[in-house]
C-alpha atoms as a PDB file:
ATOM      1  CA  MET A   1      59.978 -35.161 -60.694  1.00  0.00           C
ATOM      2  CA  PRO A   2      61.078 -32.192 -58.583  1.00  0.00           C
ATOM      3  CA  HIS A   3      61.398 -28.597 -59.719  1.00  0.00           C
ATOM      4  CA  TYR A   4      64.100 -26.121 -58.721  1.00  0.00           C
ATOM      5  CA  ASP A   5      64.772 -26.513 -55.020  1.00  0.00           C
ATOM      6  CA  GLY A   6      66.831 -23.393 -54.432  1.00  0.00           C
ATOM      7  CA  PRO A   7      68.353 -20.455 -56.278  1.00  0.00           C
ATOM      8  CA  GLU A   8      71.530 -22.366 -57.138  1.00  0.00           C
ATOM      9  CA  ALA A   9      69.492 -24.886 -59.142  1.00  0.00           C
ATOM     10  CA  ALA A  10      68.278 -22.143 -61.486  1.00  0.00           C
ATOM     11  CA  GLU A  11      71.469 -20.121 -61.830  1.00  0.00           C
ATOM     12  CA  ASN A  12      73.752 -22.233 -63.996  1.00  0.00           C
ATOM     13  CA  THR A  13      76.592 -20.352 -65.646  1.00  0.00           C
ATOM     14  CA  GLN A  14      78.413 -23.287 -67.278  1.00  0.00           C
ATOM     15  CA  PRO A  15      77.279 -25.210 -70.372  1.00  0.00           C
ATOM     16  CA  LEU A  16      75.919 -28.710 -69.746  1.00  0.00           C
ATOM     17  CA  ASP A  17      75.265 -31.609 -72.078  1.00  0.00           C
ATOM     18  CA  THR A  18      72.196 -33.817 -71.725  1.00  0.00           C
ATOM     19  CA  ALA A  19      73.832 -36.101 -69.134  1.00  0.00           C
ATOM     20  CA  GLY A  20      74.935 -33.084 -67.090  1.00  0.00           C
ATOM     21  CA  ALA A  21      71.462 -31.519 -67.255  1.00  0.00           C
ATOM     22  CA  LEU A  22      69.870 -34.774 -66.067  1.00  0.00           C
ATOM     23  CA  ALA A  23      72.444 -35.193 -63.296  1.00  0.00           C
ATOM     24  CA  LEU A  24      71.232 -31.931 -61.718  1.00  0.00           C
ATOM     25  CA  PHE A  25      68.097 -33.668 -60.456  1.00  0.00           C
ATOM     26  CA  ALA A  26      68.868 -37.398 -60.668  1.00  0.00           C
ATOM     27  CA  ASP A  27      69.162 -37.808 -56.886  1.00  0.00           C
ATOM     28  CA  LYS A  28      66.415 -35.361 -55.893  1.00  0.00           C
ATOM     29  CA  PRO A  29      63.199 -36.612 -54.272  1.00  0.00           C
ATOM     30  CA  LEU A  30      59.932 -36.568 -56.232  1.00  0.00           C
ATOM     31  CA  ALA A  31      57.663 -33.557 -55.699  1.00  0.00           C
ATOM     32  CA  ALA A  32      54.642 -35.919 -55.611  1.00  0.00           C
ATOM     33  CA  GLU A  33      53.927 -39.578 -56.245  1.00  0.00           C
ATOM     34  CA  PRO A  34      53.427 -40.159 -59.985  1.00  0.00           C
ATOM     35  CA  GLY A  35      49.797 -39.804 -61.069  1.00  0.00           C
ATOM     36  CA  THR A  36      48.640 -38.033 -57.898  1.00  0.00           C
ATOM     37  CA  LYS A  37      49.284 -34.380 -58.675  1.00  0.00           C
ATOM     38  CA  PHE A  38      50.324 -32.156 -61.562  1.00  0.00           C
ATOM     39  CA  VAL A  39      53.562 -30.311 -60.811  1.00  0.00           C
ATOM     40  CA  TYR A  40      55.263 -28.251 -63.519  1.00  0.00           C
ATOM     41  CA  THR A  41      58.958 -28.996 -63.704  1.00  0.00           C
ATOM     42  CA  THR A  42      61.571 -27.870 -66.182  1.00  0.00           C
ATOM     43  CA  TRP A  43      63.536 -30.977 -65.284  1.00  0.00           C
ATOM     44  CA  GLY A  44      60.590 -33.136 -66.367  1.00  0.00           C
ATOM     45  CA  TYR A  45      60.794 -31.559 -69.812  1.00  0.00           C
ATOM     46  CA  ASN A  46      64.542 -32.278 -69.839  1.00  0.00           C
ATOM     47  CA  LEU A  47      63.744 -35.921 -69.191  1.00  0.00           C
ATOM     48  CA  LEU A  48      61.332 -35.865 -72.149  1.00  0.00           C
ATOM     49  CA  GLY A  49      64.051 -34.208 -74.262  1.00  0.00           C
ATOM     50  CA  ALA A  50      66.464 -36.996 -73.346  1.00  0.00           C
ATOM     51  CA  ALA A  51      63.790 -39.536 -74.375  1.00  0.00           C
ATOM     52  CA  VAL A  52      63.466 -37.739 -77.749  1.00  0.00           C
ATOM     53  CA  GLU A  53      67.249 -37.981 -78.186  1.00  0.00           C
ATOM     54  CA  LYS A  54      67.264 -41.690 -77.356  1.00  0.00           C
ATOM     55  CA  ALA A  55      64.265 -42.553 -79.548  1.00  0.00           C
ATOM     56  CA  SER A  56      65.388 -40.470 -82.537  1.00  0.00           C
ATOM     57  CA  GLY A  57      69.131 -41.061 -82.333  1.00  0.00           C
ATOM     58  CA  GLN A  58      69.593 -37.284 -82.777  1.00  0.00           C
ATOM     59  CA  GLY A  59      70.598 -34.513 -80.417  1.00  0.00           C
ATOM     60  CA  TYR A  60      67.617 -32.530 -79.147  1.00  0.00           C
ATOM     61  CA  GLY A  61      68.556 -29.357 -81.044  1.00  0.00           C
ATOM     62  CA  ARG A  62      69.017 -31.236 -84.318  1.00  0.00           C
ATOM     63  CA  TYR A  63      65.694 -33.014 -83.784  1.00  0.00           C
ATOM     64  CA  LEU A  64      63.880 -29.714 -83.200  1.00  0.00           C
ATOM     65  CA  LYS A  65      65.469 -28.204 -86.283  1.00  0.00           C
ATOM     66  CA  SER A  66      64.370 -31.028 -88.574  1.00  0.00           C
ATOM     67  CA  HIS A  67      60.973 -31.848 -87.021  1.00  0.00           C
ATOM     68  CA  VAL A  68      59.708 -28.556 -85.573  1.00  0.00           C
ATOM     69  CA  PHE A  69      61.632 -25.447 -86.577  1.00  0.00           C
ATOM     70  CA  GLY A  70      62.115 -26.434 -90.234  1.00  0.00           C
ATOM     71  CA  PRO A  71      58.566 -27.633 -90.967  1.00  0.00           C
ATOM     72  CA  ALA A  72      57.131 -24.591 -89.155  1.00  0.00           C
ATOM     73  CA  GLY A  73      59.321 -22.168 -91.109  1.00  0.00           C
ATOM     74  CA  MET A  74      61.122 -20.913 -87.983  1.00  0.00           C
ATOM     75  CA  ARG A  75      64.314 -19.555 -89.599  1.00  0.00           C
ATOM     76  CA  HIS A  76      66.037 -18.205 -86.458  1.00  0.00           C
ATOM     77  CA  ALA A  77      64.907 -20.709 -83.819  1.00  0.00           C
ATOM     78  CA  ALA A  78      67.532 -22.873 -82.112  1.00  0.00           C
ATOM     79  CA  LEU A  79      68.660 -24.153 -78.761  1.00  0.00           C
ATOM     80  CA  ASP A  80      70.244 -21.209 -77.004  1.00  0.00           C
ATOM     81  CA  ASP A  81      74.002 -21.450 -77.273  1.00  0.00           C
ATOM     82  CA  GLN A  82      76.225 -18.714 -75.886  1.00  0.00           C
ATOM     83  CA  ARG A  83      78.729 -19.297 -78.701  1.00  0.00           C
ATOM     84  CA  THR A  84      76.190 -18.399 -81.403  1.00  0.00           C
ATOM     85  CA  ARG A  85      74.613 -15.307 -79.856  1.00  0.00           C
ATOM     86  CA  ASP A  86      74.786 -12.137 -81.907  1.00  0.00           C
ATOM     87  CA  LYS A  87      73.798  -8.469 -81.684  1.00  0.00           C
ATOM     88  CA  GLN A  88      70.191  -9.396 -82.476  1.00  0.00           C
ATOM     89  CA  HIS A  89      69.915 -11.448 -79.277  1.00  0.00           C
ATOM     90  CA  ALA A  90      67.663  -9.799 -76.706  1.00  0.00           C
ATOM     91  CA  VAL A  91      69.104  -9.031 -73.291  1.00  0.00           C
ATOM     92  CA  GLY A  92      67.073  -9.894 -70.215  1.00  0.00           C
ATOM     93  CA  TYR A  93      66.366  -7.226 -67.613  1.00  0.00           C
ATOM     94  CA  ARG A  94      65.555  -7.335 -63.903  1.00  0.00           C
ATOM     95  CA  PRO A  95      64.440  -4.725 -61.397  1.00  0.00           C
ATOM     96  CA  TYR A  96      67.206  -3.487 -59.111  1.00  0.00           C
ATOM     97  CA  ARG A  97      66.773  -0.581 -56.694  1.00  0.00           C
ATOM     98  CA  GLY A  98      63.854   0.818 -58.638  1.00  0.00           C
ATOM     99  CA  GLN A  99      65.510   0.551 -62.058  1.00  0.00           C
ATOM    100  CA  LEU A 100      65.764  -2.046 -64.794  1.00  0.00           C
ATOM    101  CA  VAL A 101      69.289  -3.385 -65.171  1.00  0.00           C
ATOM    102  CA  PRO A 102      70.655  -6.192 -67.385  1.00  0.00           C
ATOM    103  CA  SER A 103      70.083  -9.645 -65.931  1.00  0.00           C
ATOM    104  CA  HIS A 104      72.945 -11.781 -64.692  1.00  0.00           C
ATOM    105  CA  PHE A 105      74.427 -14.175 -67.234  1.00  0.00           C
ATOM    106  CA  LEU A 106      72.652 -17.517 -67.299  1.00  0.00           C
ATOM    107  CA  ASP A 107      73.546 -20.526 -69.431  1.00  0.00           C
ATOM    108  CA  VAL A 108      70.262 -22.264 -70.230  1.00  0.00           C
ATOM    109  CA  SER A 109      71.771 -25.512 -71.547  1.00  0.00           C
ATOM    110  CA  SER A 110      70.812 -27.024 -68.175  1.00  0.00           C
ATOM    111  CA  ARG A 111      67.181 -26.669 -69.227  1.00  0.00           C
ATOM    112  CA  PHE A 112      67.665 -27.592 -72.893  1.00  0.00           C
ATOM    113  CA  ALA A 113      64.201 -29.147 -73.355  1.00  0.00           C
ATOM    114  CA  GLY A 114      62.536 -27.187 -70.571  1.00  0.00           C
ATOM    115  CA  GLY A 115      62.924 -23.777 -72.169  1.00  0.00           C
ATOM    116  CA  GLY A 116      66.476 -23.552 -73.445  1.00  0.00           C
ATOM    117  CA  THR A 117      65.436 -22.289 -76.878  1.00  0.00           C
ATOM    118  CA  ARG A 118      65.504 -18.924 -78.595  1.00  0.00           C
ATOM    119  CA  ALA A 119      63.478 -17.576 -81.484  1.00  0.00           C
ATOM    120  CA  SER A 120      62.557 -14.359 -83.248  1.00  0.00           C
ATOM    121  CA  VAL A 121      59.100 -12.823 -83.116  1.00  0.00           C
ATOM    122  CA  GLU A 122      58.598 -14.033 -86.687  1.00  0.00           C
ATOM    123  CA  ASP A 123      59.542 -17.556 -85.589  1.00  0.00           C
ATOM    124  CA  LEU A 124      56.965 -17.496 -82.809  1.00  0.00           C
ATOM    125  CA  LEU A 125      54.287 -16.386 -85.270  1.00  0.00           C
ATOM    126  CA  ALA A 126      55.325 -19.155 -87.675  1.00  0.00           C
ATOM    127  CA  PHE A 127      55.119 -21.680 -84.825  1.00  0.00           C
ATOM    128  CA  GLY A 128      51.621 -20.508 -83.891  1.00  0.00           C
ATOM    129  CA  GLN A 129      50.501 -20.768 -87.500  1.00  0.00           C
ATOM    130  CA  ALA A 130      52.020 -24.238 -87.850  1.00  0.00           C
ATOM    131  CA  ILE A 131      50.146 -25.397 -84.746  1.00  0.00           C
ATOM    132  CA  LEU A 132      46.851 -23.878 -85.897  1.00  0.00           C
ATOM    133  CA  GLN A 133      47.291 -25.321 -89.407  1.00  0.00           C
ATOM    134  CA  HIS A 134      48.232 -28.767 -88.010  1.00  0.00           C
ATOM    135  CA  LYS A 135      51.611 -28.829 -89.765  1.00  0.00           C
ATOM    136  CA  LEU A 136      53.388 -30.222 -86.692  1.00  0.00           C
ATOM    137  CA  VAL A 137      50.780 -32.498 -85.137  1.00  0.00           C
ATOM    138  CA  PRO A 138      47.465 -33.819 -86.480  1.00  0.00           C
ATOM    139  CA  ALA A 139      44.255 -32.087 -85.368  1.00  0.00           C
ATOM    140  CA  GLU A 140      43.302 -34.992 -83.082  1.00  0.00           C
ATOM    141  CA  THR A 141      46.683 -34.824 -81.314  1.00  0.00           C
ATOM    142  CA  ALA A 142      46.261 -31.058 -80.859  1.00  0.00           C
ATOM    143  CA  ARG A 143      42.833 -31.677 -79.256  1.00  0.00           C
ATOM    144  CA  MET A 144      44.362 -34.190 -76.842  1.00  0.00           C
ATOM    145  CA  MET A 145      47.119 -31.702 -75.961  1.00  0.00           C
ATOM    146  CA  GLN A 146      44.454 -29.167 -74.946  1.00  0.00           C
ATOM    147  CA  ALA A 147      42.330 -31.551 -72.868  1.00  0.00           C
ATOM    148  CA  SER A 148      42.251 -31.140 -69.099  1.00  0.00           C
ATOM    149  CA  MET A 149      44.468 -33.591 -67.252  1.00  0.00           C
ATOM    150  CA  SER A 150      43.316 -35.845 -64.458  1.00  0.00           C
ATOM    151  CA  THR A 151      45.284 -37.253 -61.574  1.00  0.00           C
ATOM    152  CA  ALA A 152      44.368 -40.035 -59.159  1.00  0.00           C
ATOM    153  CA  ARG A 153      42.895 -37.406 -56.820  1.00  0.00           C
ATOM    154  CA  ALA A 154      41.235 -34.814 -59.052  1.00  0.00           C
ATOM    155  CA  SER A 155      40.823 -33.266 -62.444  1.00  0.00           C
ATOM    156  CA  SER A 156      43.037 -30.287 -63.147  1.00  0.00           C
ATOM    157  CA  PRO A 157      42.497 -27.246 -65.350  1.00  0.00           C
ATOM    158  CA  THR A 158      46.107 -27.705 -66.436  1.00  0.00           C
ATOM    159  CA  THR A 159      46.617 -28.893 -69.995  1.00  0.00           C
ATOM    160  CA  ALA A 160      49.605 -30.380 -71.744  1.00  0.00           C
ATOM    161  CA  TRP A 161      49.477 -27.397 -74.067  1.00  0.00           C
ATOM    162  CA  ALA A 162      47.863 -24.023 -73.511  1.00  0.00           C
ATOM    163  CA  SER A 163      45.270 -23.012 -76.077  1.00  0.00           C
ATOM    164  CA  PRO A 164      46.984 -21.223 -78.959  1.00  0.00           C
ATOM    165  CA  PRO A 165      47.311 -18.485 -79.937  1.00  0.00           C
ATOM    166  CA  THR A 166      46.435 -16.617 -76.733  1.00  0.00           C
ATOM    167  CA  ARG A 167      48.581 -18.518 -74.234  1.00  0.00           C
ATOM    168  CA  CYS A 168      51.913 -20.276 -74.280  1.00  0.00           C
ATOM    169  CA  ALA A 169      52.604 -22.833 -71.576  1.00  0.00           C
ATOM    170  CA  ALA A 170      55.356 -21.920 -69.122  1.00  0.00           C
ATOM    171  CA  THR A 171      56.717 -19.092 -71.213  1.00  0.00           C
ATOM    172  CA  THR A 172      58.310 -15.890 -70.023  1.00  0.00           C
ATOM    173  CA  TRP A 173      59.438 -13.141 -72.390  1.00  0.00           C
ATOM    174  CA  TRP A 174      62.444 -10.968 -71.658  1.00  0.00           C
ATOM    175  CA  PRO A 175      62.317  -8.245 -74.320  1.00  0.00           C
ATOM    176  CA  THR A 176      64.579  -5.255 -74.589  1.00  0.00           C
ATOM    177  CA  PRO A 177      63.187  -1.820 -75.498  1.00  0.00           C
ATOM    178  CA  GLU A 178      64.088  -2.693 -79.104  1.00  0.00           C
ATOM    179  CA  ALA A 179      62.364  -6.098 -78.919  1.00  0.00           C
ATOM    180  CA  SER A 180      60.696  -5.818 -82.291  1.00  0.00           C
ATOM    181  CA  ARG A 181      64.130  -6.113 -83.937  1.00  0.00           C
ATOM    182  CA  LYS A 182      65.737  -8.492 -81.467  1.00  0.00           C
ATOM    183  CA  ARG A 183      65.457 -12.219 -80.882  1.00  0.00           C
ATOM    184  CA  LEU A 184      63.546 -13.158 -77.767  1.00  0.00           C
ATOM    185  CA  ARG A 185      64.509 -15.806 -75.288  1.00  0.00           C
ATOM    186  CA  CYS A 186      61.706 -18.055 -74.206  1.00  0.00           C
ATOM    187  CA  TRP A 187      61.758 -20.364 -71.199  1.00  0.00           C
END
């Protein structure tokens, strides 16, 4: 599975459904032969999200709500949808000529399962507690998620899941100065 291969691949401004998100990389070459190397890819997580949709018969957002967000007590968590943003939604910032300015608009539906979610600080704490208390996956599954991965060539320090609560795999926070009262976007 490849990862972004140029700025245009990461700068979507139009909403995409699952088929549209998968079409973005369907004809791209693999980054490595399967089983030979670990390569993080948002698109790989989208493929897993599509598998969840197919296996469950539910849309990815609905599945998360009923099987992750609900059981974890994450009251504000959802797939990010421009139509449902409100004043509590955090705005991303970027450096520009020595100052922080609001980030360009980005529709994250193209990475729906690879980081296209939003949640409040309270939601993230609830998620961490649910993981630590084994409300979402059994203890044995959590141990497997934290085990080092091996490829055909070598063992890797990379895990399927970073050790909670100190790390979160592939997560970037874009808080505003008022972040404690705003929802954060995580991808």
